[in-house]
């Protein structure tokens, strides 16, 4: 039986909602590798990485989201918070300002 990418995304989201962030990341990472332009999957993967304290991976996914979808305001916010959490406050400020400008 072949599982579709949509089914895998739904499964990854379910794990995320159950707060099993590492499990969600394990499901979502291959999905993102198969469909690198899928912004929703990348953003959910970044959130799973952030919540499981995999900050380098979260940053990489968020930078990819910002590149793919520069108007995705939540990606700017989460990238700023990820950088803050990594004690990179000067870099974080740029993304937090962008988020503030986008959301008013």
Protein backbone atom coordinates (compact mmCIF):
# COMPACT_ATOMS: atom_id res chain seq x y z
CA UNK A 1 0.00 0.00 0.00
CA UNK A 2 1.38 3.38 -1.03
CA UNK A 3 0.82 6.32 1.30
CA UNK A 4 0.26 9.68 -0.37
CA UNK A 5 2.16 12.81 0.57
CA UNK A 6 -1.12 14.35 1.75
CA UNK A 7 -1.68 11.41 4.10
CA UNK A 8 1.86 11.72 5.44
CA UNK A 9 1.36 15.46 5.99
CA UNK A 10 -1.87 14.75 7.91
CA UNK A 11 -0.05 12.12 9.97
CA UNK A 12 2.80 14.55 10.71
CA UNK A 13 0.29 17.22 11.74
CA UNK A 14 -1.43 14.71 14.05
CA UNK A 15 1.88 13.92 15.76
CA UNK A 16 2.58 17.65 16.06
CA UNK A 17 -0.84 18.32 17.61
CA UNK A 18 -0.18 15.50 20.09
CA UNK A 19 3.03 17.36 21.00
CA UNK A 20 5.21 14.52 19.72
CA UNK A 21 7.49 16.96 17.94
CA UNK A 22 10.31 14.51 17.28
CA UNK A 23 7.86 12.00 15.83
CA UNK A 24 6.33 14.73 13.67
CA UNK A 25 9.77 15.72 12.40
CA UNK A 26 10.57 12.10 11.50
CA UNK A 27 7.42 11.95 9.38
CA UNK A 28 7.72 15.41 7.84
CA UNK A 29 11.43 15.42 6.93
CA UNK A 30 11.09 12.80 4.15
CA UNK A 31 7.97 14.59 2.89
CA UNK A 32 9.90 17.86 2.61
CA UNK A 33 12.76 16.03 0.89
CA UNK A 34 10.27 14.67 -1.65
CA UNK A 35 8.53 18.03 -2.13
CA UNK A 36 11.01 20.81 -1.25
CA UNK A 37 8.68 23.53 -2.53
CA UNK A 38 5.87 22.59 -0.15
CA UNK A 39 5.81 25.63 2.14
CA UNK A 40 3.17 24.23 4.52
CA UNK A 41 5.16 21.04 5.12
CA UNK A 42 8.42 22.98 5.59
CA UNK A 43 6.78 25.36 8.06
CA UNK A 44 5.29 22.52 10.09
CA UNK A 45 8.65 20.72 10.05
CA UNK A 46 10.36 23.92 11.23
CA UNK A 47 7.83 24.22 14.06
CA UNK A 48 8.46 20.60 15.07
CA UNK A 49 12.20 21.24 15.09
CA UNK A 50 11.73 24.46 17.11
CA UNK A 51 9.57 22.76 19.74
CA UNK A 52 12.02 19.86 20.04
CA UNK A 53 14.93 22.31 20.48
CA UNK A 54 16.59 21.39 17.19
CA UNK A 55 17.30 25.04 16.53
CA UNK A 56 19.82 24.63 13.69
CA UNK A 57 17.39 22.49 11.74
CA UNK A 58 14.51 24.85 12.52
CA UNK A 59 16.58 27.79 11.28
CA UNK A 60 17.48 26.00 8.04
CA UNK A 61 13.84 25.15 7.29
CA UNK A 62 12.64 28.64 8.18
CA UNK A 63 15.24 30.27 5.94
CA UNK A 64 14.03 28.01 3.12
CA UNK A 65 10.42 29.04 3.80
CA UNK A 66 11.35 32.74 3.80
CA UNK A 67 13.14 32.24 0.49
CA UNK A 68 10.22 30.32 -1.05
CA UNK A 69 7.47 32.54 0.41
CA UNK A 70 8.88 35.93 1.51
CA UNK A 71 5.43 37.14 2.63
CA UNK A 72 4.88 34.22 5.04
CA UNK A 73 4.84 36.38 8.16
CA UNK A 74 4.77 33.50 10.65
CA UNK A 75 8.06 32.19 9.21
CA UNK A 76 9.68 35.56 9.98
CA UNK A 77 8.32 35.48 13.53
CA UNK A 78 9.45 31.92 14.20
CA UNK A 79 12.86 32.53 12.61
CA UNK A 80 13.29 35.53 14.90
CA UNK A 81 12.30 33.49 17.94
CA UNK A 82 14.56 30.63 16.88
CA UNK A 83 17.51 33.01 16.61
CA UNK A 84 16.62 34.55 19.99
CA UNK A 85 16.56 31.11 21.56
CA UNK A 86 20.03 30.52 20.09
CA UNK A 87 21.22 33.79 21.70
CA UNK A 88 21.58 35.51 18.32
CA UNK A 89 19.52 38.54 19.27
CA UNK A 90 20.92 40.97 16.71
CA UNK A 91 20.03 38.62 13.84
CA UNK A 92 16.64 37.91 15.40
CA UNK A 93 15.71 41.58 15.52
CA UNK A 94 15.65 41.83 11.73
CA UNK A 95 13.09 39.04 11.34
CA UNK A 96 10.99 40.22 14.26
CA UNK A 97 10.85 43.73 12.73
CA UNK A 98 9.83 42.25 9.39
CA UNK A 99 7.07 40.27 11.10
CA UNK A 100 5.86 43.38 12.92
CA UNK A 101 5.82 45.37 9.68
CA UNK A 102 3.85 42.62 7.91
CA UNK A 103 1.24 42.24 10.61
CA UNK A 104 0.91 45.88 11.65
